[in-house]
N, C-alpha and C. Protein backbone atom coordinates (compact mmCIF):
# COMPACT_ATOMS: atom_id res chain seq x y z
N MET A 1 233.93 104.18 39.10
CA MET A 1 233.15 104.98 38.16
C MET A 1 231.66 104.79 38.43
N PHE A 2 230.93 105.88 38.44
CA PHE A 2 229.49 105.83 38.66
C PHE A 2 228.76 105.38 37.41
N ASN A 3 227.67 104.64 37.61
CA ASN A 3 226.79 104.33 36.49
C ASN A 3 225.56 105.25 36.56
N ASP A 4 224.67 105.15 35.59
CA ASP A 4 223.49 106.02 35.55
C ASP A 4 222.65 105.88 36.81
N HIS A 5 222.51 104.66 37.29
CA HIS A 5 221.72 104.37 38.49
C HIS A 5 222.27 105.13 39.69
N GLU A 6 223.58 105.10 39.87
CA GLU A 6 224.21 105.78 41.00
C GLU A 6 224.08 107.29 40.88
N LEU A 7 224.21 107.82 39.68
CA LEU A 7 224.10 109.26 39.46
C LEU A 7 222.69 109.74 39.80
N LEU A 8 221.68 108.99 39.41
CA LEU A 8 220.29 109.39 39.68
C LEU A 8 219.99 109.46 41.17
N LYS A 9 220.70 108.68 41.99
CA LYS A 9 220.50 108.73 43.44
C LYS A 9 220.87 110.10 44.01
N PHE A 10 221.74 110.84 43.33
CA PHE A 10 222.11 112.18 43.78
C PHE A 10 221.05 113.21 43.39
N LEU A 11 220.25 112.90 42.38
CA LEU A 11 219.30 113.87 41.84
C LEU A 11 217.86 113.64 42.29
N LEU A 12 217.53 112.41 42.62
CA LEU A 12 216.14 112.05 42.94
C LEU A 12 216.09 111.30 44.27
N PRO A 13 214.91 111.28 44.89
CA PRO A 13 214.78 110.49 46.13
C PRO A 13 215.19 109.03 45.87
N GLU A 14 215.98 108.48 46.78
CA GLU A 14 216.55 107.14 46.57
C GLU A 14 215.49 106.06 46.39
N TYR A 15 214.37 106.18 47.12
CA TYR A 15 213.32 105.15 46.98
C TYR A 15 212.77 105.11 45.56
N LEU A 16 212.77 106.23 44.85
CA LEU A 16 212.30 106.22 43.46
C LEU A 16 213.23 105.42 42.57
N ILE A 17 214.50 105.52 42.82
CA ILE A 17 215.49 104.80 42.00
C ILE A 17 215.45 103.31 42.31
N GLU A 18 215.25 102.96 43.58
CA GLU A 18 215.26 101.56 43.99
C GLU A 18 213.99 100.80 43.62
N TYR A 19 212.84 101.43 43.78
CA TYR A 19 211.57 100.71 43.67
C TYR A 19 210.72 101.08 42.46
N PHE A 20 211.15 102.06 41.67
CA PHE A 20 210.37 102.52 40.53
C PHE A 20 211.23 102.57 39.28
N ASN A 21 210.57 102.43 38.13
CA ASN A 21 211.22 102.62 36.84
C ASN A 21 210.83 103.98 36.30
N ILE A 22 211.79 104.67 35.71
CA ILE A 22 211.47 105.91 35.00
C ILE A 22 210.94 105.48 33.63
N VAL A 23 209.70 105.85 33.33
CA VAL A 23 209.09 105.42 32.08
C VAL A 23 209.02 106.53 31.05
N LYS A 24 209.20 107.78 31.50
CA LYS A 24 209.09 108.90 30.56
C LYS A 24 209.56 110.16 31.26
N PHE A 25 210.05 111.11 30.49
CA PHE A 25 210.31 112.45 31.01
C PHE A 25 210.08 113.44 29.89
N GLU A 26 209.66 114.64 30.26
CA GLU A 26 209.42 115.68 29.26
C GLU A 26 209.49 117.04 29.93
N GLU A 27 209.81 118.04 29.12
CA GLU A 27 209.81 119.41 29.59
C GLU A 27 208.64 120.13 28.93
N ILE A 28 207.78 120.72 29.75
CA ILE A 28 206.61 121.44 29.25
C ILE A 28 206.57 122.81 29.94
N ASP A 29 206.66 123.86 29.16
CA ASP A 29 206.58 125.23 29.68
C ASP A 29 207.54 125.46 30.85
N GLY A 30 208.76 125.01 30.73
CA GLY A 30 209.76 125.24 31.76
C GLY A 30 209.68 124.30 32.95
N LEU A 31 208.73 123.37 32.95
CA LEU A 31 208.60 122.38 34.02
C LEU A 31 209.15 121.05 33.54
N LEU A 32 209.91 120.39 34.39
CA LEU A 32 210.41 119.05 34.07
C LEU A 32 209.47 118.03 34.71
N HIS A 33 208.86 117.18 33.88
CA HIS A 33 207.95 116.14 34.35
C HIS A 33 208.66 114.80 34.24
N LEU A 34 208.74 114.08 35.37
CA LEU A 34 209.34 112.75 35.40
C LEU A 34 208.26 111.75 35.78
N TYR A 35 208.15 110.66 35.01
CA TYR A 35 207.09 109.68 35.19
C TYR A 35 207.68 108.36 35.69
N PHE A 36 207.11 107.85 36.78
CA PHE A 36 207.60 106.63 37.42
C PHE A 36 206.48 105.61 37.56
N GLU A 37 206.84 104.33 37.42
CA GLU A 37 205.94 103.22 37.72
C GLU A 37 206.66 102.28 38.68
N GLU A 38 205.95 101.85 39.71
CA GLU A 38 206.55 100.93 40.67
C GLU A 38 206.92 99.62 39.98
N LYS A 39 208.11 99.13 40.30
CA LYS A 39 208.59 97.88 39.71
C LYS A 39 207.69 96.71 40.10
N ASN A 40 207.64 95.71 39.24
CA ASN A 40 206.82 94.53 39.48
C ASN A 40 207.61 93.52 40.32
N THR A 41 207.98 93.95 41.51
CA THR A 41 208.72 93.13 42.46
C THR A 41 207.93 93.06 43.75
N ILE A 42 207.58 91.88 44.18
CA ILE A 42 206.77 91.72 45.39
C ILE A 42 207.54 92.27 46.59
N PRO A 43 206.89 93.15 47.37
CA PRO A 43 207.55 93.74 48.53
C PRO A 43 208.01 92.68 49.53
N LYS A 44 209.19 92.88 50.10
CA LYS A 44 209.75 91.94 51.07
C LYS A 44 208.83 91.74 52.28
N GLU A 45 208.15 92.82 52.68
CA GLU A 45 207.27 92.72 53.85
C GLU A 45 206.08 91.81 53.61
N PHE A 46 205.82 91.43 52.34
CA PHE A 46 204.72 90.53 52.01
C PHE A 46 205.23 89.21 51.42
N SER A 47 206.45 88.84 51.73
CA SER A 47 207.05 87.65 51.13
C SER A 47 206.36 86.34 51.54
N THR A 48 205.62 86.36 52.65
CA THR A 48 204.94 85.14 53.11
C THR A 48 203.55 84.99 52.48
N ILE A 49 203.12 85.99 51.73
CA ILE A 49 201.80 85.98 51.11
C ILE A 49 201.96 85.77 49.60
N GLN A 50 201.05 85.02 49.01
CA GLN A 50 201.06 84.81 47.56
C GLN A 50 200.38 86.01 46.90
N LEU A 51 201.17 86.91 46.30
CA LEU A 51 200.63 88.13 45.70
C LEU A 51 200.74 88.10 44.19
N GLN A 52 199.84 88.82 43.56
CA GLN A 52 199.85 88.99 42.11
C GLN A 52 199.61 90.47 41.83
N SER A 53 200.42 91.04 40.93
CA SER A 53 200.25 92.44 40.56
C SER A 53 198.94 92.60 39.80
N LYS A 54 198.16 93.60 40.21
CA LYS A 54 196.86 93.85 39.57
C LYS A 54 196.76 95.32 39.15
N GLY A 55 197.75 95.80 38.44
CA GLY A 55 197.68 97.17 37.93
C GLY A 55 198.20 98.19 38.91
N PHE A 56 197.73 99.42 38.72
CA PHE A 56 198.26 100.56 39.47
C PHE A 56 197.14 101.37 40.10
N HIS A 57 197.50 102.10 41.15
CA HIS A 57 196.63 103.12 41.72
C HIS A 57 196.68 104.33 40.80
N GLU A 58 195.84 105.33 41.07
CA GLU A 58 195.89 106.57 40.31
C GLU A 58 197.25 107.23 40.51
N VAL A 59 197.69 107.93 39.50
CA VAL A 59 198.97 108.64 39.57
C VAL A 59 198.88 109.75 40.61
N ILE A 60 199.95 109.89 41.41
CA ILE A 60 200.05 111.05 42.29
C ILE A 60 201.14 111.95 41.71
N ILE A 61 200.95 113.23 41.85
CA ILE A 61 201.91 114.21 41.32
C ILE A 61 202.42 115.03 42.50
N VAL A 62 203.75 115.04 42.65
CA VAL A 62 204.36 115.78 43.75
C VAL A 62 205.49 116.65 43.23
N ASP A 63 205.76 117.73 43.96
CA ASP A 63 206.86 118.63 43.63
C ASP A 63 208.13 118.12 44.29
N ASP A 64 209.25 118.31 43.60
CA ASP A 64 210.55 117.94 44.17
C ASP A 64 211.52 119.08 43.91
N PHE A 65 212.75 118.93 44.37
CA PHE A 65 213.77 119.95 44.19
C PHE A 65 213.90 120.34 42.73
N PRO A 66 214.07 121.63 42.45
CA PRO A 66 214.31 122.05 41.06
C PRO A 66 215.63 121.48 40.55
N LEU A 67 215.69 121.22 39.25
CA LEU A 67 216.91 120.75 38.59
C LEU A 67 217.27 121.73 37.48
N ARG A 68 218.47 122.24 37.54
CA ARG A 68 218.97 123.16 36.52
C ARG A 68 218.01 124.32 36.28
N GLY A 69 217.43 124.84 37.38
CA GLY A 69 216.55 125.99 37.29
C GLY A 69 215.14 125.67 36.84
N LYS A 70 214.82 124.41 36.69
CA LYS A 70 213.48 124.02 36.26
C LYS A 70 212.74 123.35 37.43
N ALA A 71 211.49 123.76 37.62
CA ALA A 71 210.66 123.09 38.62
C ALA A 71 210.45 121.65 38.19
N VAL A 72 210.35 120.74 39.17
CA VAL A 72 210.23 119.31 38.89
C VAL A 72 208.91 118.78 39.44
N LYS A 73 208.19 118.08 38.59
CA LYS A 73 206.96 117.39 38.98
C LYS A 73 207.22 115.89 38.81
N LEU A 74 206.98 115.13 39.88
CA LEU A 74 207.14 113.68 39.83
C LEU A 74 205.75 113.06 39.70
N HIS A 75 205.55 112.27 38.66
CA HIS A 75 204.29 111.57 38.43
C HIS A 75 204.54 110.11 38.82
N ILE A 76 203.91 109.66 39.89
CA ILE A 76 204.24 108.36 40.48
C ILE A 76 203.04 107.43 40.44
N LYS A 77 203.22 106.26 39.82
CA LYS A 77 202.19 105.23 39.78
C LYS A 77 202.62 104.10 40.71
N ARG A 78 201.81 103.88 41.76
CA ARG A 78 202.10 102.82 42.72
C ARG A 78 201.32 101.57 42.35
N ARG A 79 201.95 100.42 42.55
CA ARG A 79 201.34 99.14 42.21
C ARG A 79 200.31 98.69 43.24
N ARG A 80 199.34 97.94 42.75
CA ARG A 80 198.35 97.27 43.59
C ARG A 80 198.65 95.78 43.54
N TRP A 81 198.61 95.13 44.67
CA TRP A 81 198.85 93.70 44.75
C TRP A 81 197.60 93.02 45.29
N THR A 82 197.26 91.87 44.74
CA THR A 82 196.12 91.10 45.22
C THR A 82 196.63 89.81 45.85
N ASP A 83 196.16 89.54 47.06
CA ASP A 83 196.45 88.27 47.73
C ASP A 83 195.62 87.21 47.02
N THR A 84 196.29 86.25 46.39
CA THR A 84 195.58 85.26 45.57
C THR A 84 194.67 84.35 46.40
N LYS A 85 194.93 84.22 47.71
CA LYS A 85 194.08 83.37 48.55
C LYS A 85 192.85 84.11 49.08
N SER A 86 193.06 85.32 49.59
CA SER A 86 191.95 86.05 50.22
C SER A 86 191.28 87.04 49.28
N GLY A 87 191.98 87.44 48.21
CA GLY A 87 191.44 88.45 47.30
C GLY A 87 191.64 89.87 47.80
N LYS A 88 192.30 90.02 48.95
CA LYS A 88 192.52 91.34 49.55
C LYS A 88 193.56 92.13 48.75
N ILE A 89 193.30 93.43 48.56
CA ILE A 89 194.23 94.32 47.87
C ILE A 89 195.27 94.83 48.87
N THR A 90 196.53 94.79 48.48
CA THR A 90 197.64 95.19 49.34
C THR A 90 198.53 96.15 48.57
N GLN A 91 199.25 96.98 49.30
CA GLN A 91 200.22 97.89 48.70
C GLN A 91 201.29 98.22 49.71
N ARG A 92 202.44 98.69 49.20
CA ARG A 92 203.49 99.16 50.11
C ARG A 92 202.99 100.41 50.81
N ASP A 93 203.49 100.64 52.00
CA ASP A 93 203.13 101.84 52.75
C ASP A 93 204.16 102.92 52.42
N TRP A 94 203.90 103.66 51.35
CA TRP A 94 204.82 104.70 50.91
C TRP A 94 204.56 106.00 51.65
N MET A 95 205.61 106.65 52.08
CA MET A 95 205.52 108.00 52.64
C MET A 95 206.10 108.94 51.59
N LEU A 96 205.41 109.06 50.46
CA LEU A 96 205.92 109.83 49.33
C LEU A 96 205.72 111.33 49.50
N ILE A 97 204.70 111.71 50.24
CA ILE A 97 204.34 113.11 50.32
C ILE A 97 204.43 113.58 51.76
N ALA A 98 205.00 114.78 51.94
CA ALA A 98 205.03 115.36 53.27
C ALA A 98 203.60 115.73 53.68
N LYS A 99 203.25 115.46 54.91
CA LYS A 99 201.88 115.67 55.40
C LYS A 99 201.44 117.12 55.15
N GLY A 100 200.26 117.26 54.56
CA GLY A 100 199.69 118.59 54.32
C GLY A 100 200.26 119.31 53.11
N THR A 101 201.04 118.61 52.28
CA THR A 101 201.65 119.24 51.11
C THR A 101 201.47 118.35 49.88
N ARG A 102 201.98 118.80 48.76
CA ARG A 102 202.10 117.99 47.55
C ARG A 102 203.57 117.96 47.16
N MET A 103 204.45 117.83 48.18
CA MET A 103 205.90 117.82 47.99
C MET A 103 206.49 116.54 48.55
N THR A 104 207.66 116.17 48.03
CA THR A 104 208.37 115.05 48.62
C THR A 104 208.78 115.43 50.04
N GLN A 105 208.99 114.43 50.89
CA GLN A 105 209.41 114.67 52.27
C GLN A 105 210.67 115.53 52.33
N ASP A 106 211.68 115.16 51.52
CA ASP A 106 212.96 115.87 51.54
C ASP A 106 212.80 117.33 51.13
N PHE A 107 212.03 117.58 50.08
CA PHE A 107 211.84 118.94 49.60
C PHE A 107 211.10 119.78 50.64
N ALA A 108 210.08 119.22 51.26
CA ALA A 108 209.32 119.94 52.29
C ALA A 108 210.22 120.27 53.49
N GLU A 109 211.06 119.32 53.90
CA GLU A 109 211.97 119.57 55.02
C GLU A 109 212.98 120.66 54.68
N PHE A 110 213.48 120.65 53.45
CA PHE A 110 214.41 121.67 53.00
C PHE A 110 213.76 123.06 53.06
N LEU A 111 212.56 123.20 52.52
CA LEU A 111 211.87 124.49 52.52
C LEU A 111 211.57 124.95 53.94
N LYS A 112 211.25 124.01 54.81
CA LYS A 112 210.96 124.35 56.20
C LYS A 112 212.23 124.90 56.87
N LYS A 113 213.37 124.30 56.59
CA LYS A 113 214.64 124.75 57.19
C LYS A 113 215.02 126.12 56.68
N ILE A 114 214.93 126.37 55.38
CA ILE A 114 215.37 127.66 54.88
C ILE A 114 214.40 128.78 55.24
N SER A 115 213.15 128.45 55.54
CA SER A 115 212.19 129.49 55.92
C SER A 115 212.45 130.01 57.32
N ARG A 116 213.27 129.32 58.09
CA ARG A 116 213.59 129.74 59.47
C ARG A 116 214.64 130.86 59.47
N TYR A 117 215.33 131.06 58.36
CA TYR A 117 216.41 132.07 58.33
C TYR A 117 215.92 133.42 57.90
């Protein structure tokens, strides 16, 4: 039997389910807005560095696949990490947006494929 977490993987990009918490959702004028904040879990690629979460970057807003006939806007807040020894700001290298667009990679690839027909 599927749980909520597994079901969401079918509807949203998997990295959002794994690394972000859904903090809010709302429907405004036929648009579905989903709000995400990156989990307070130190990235594995920085496991050798002493990091401390220091808030978030500005929210990015990207388009994703429509759900039930409603356009979807993803509001994503990425975490900032500070190296406690050097003071350097670090972050995961997210490829959230397809180059030259304001869409998720998957959605942009889908639109590119269907535009060829």
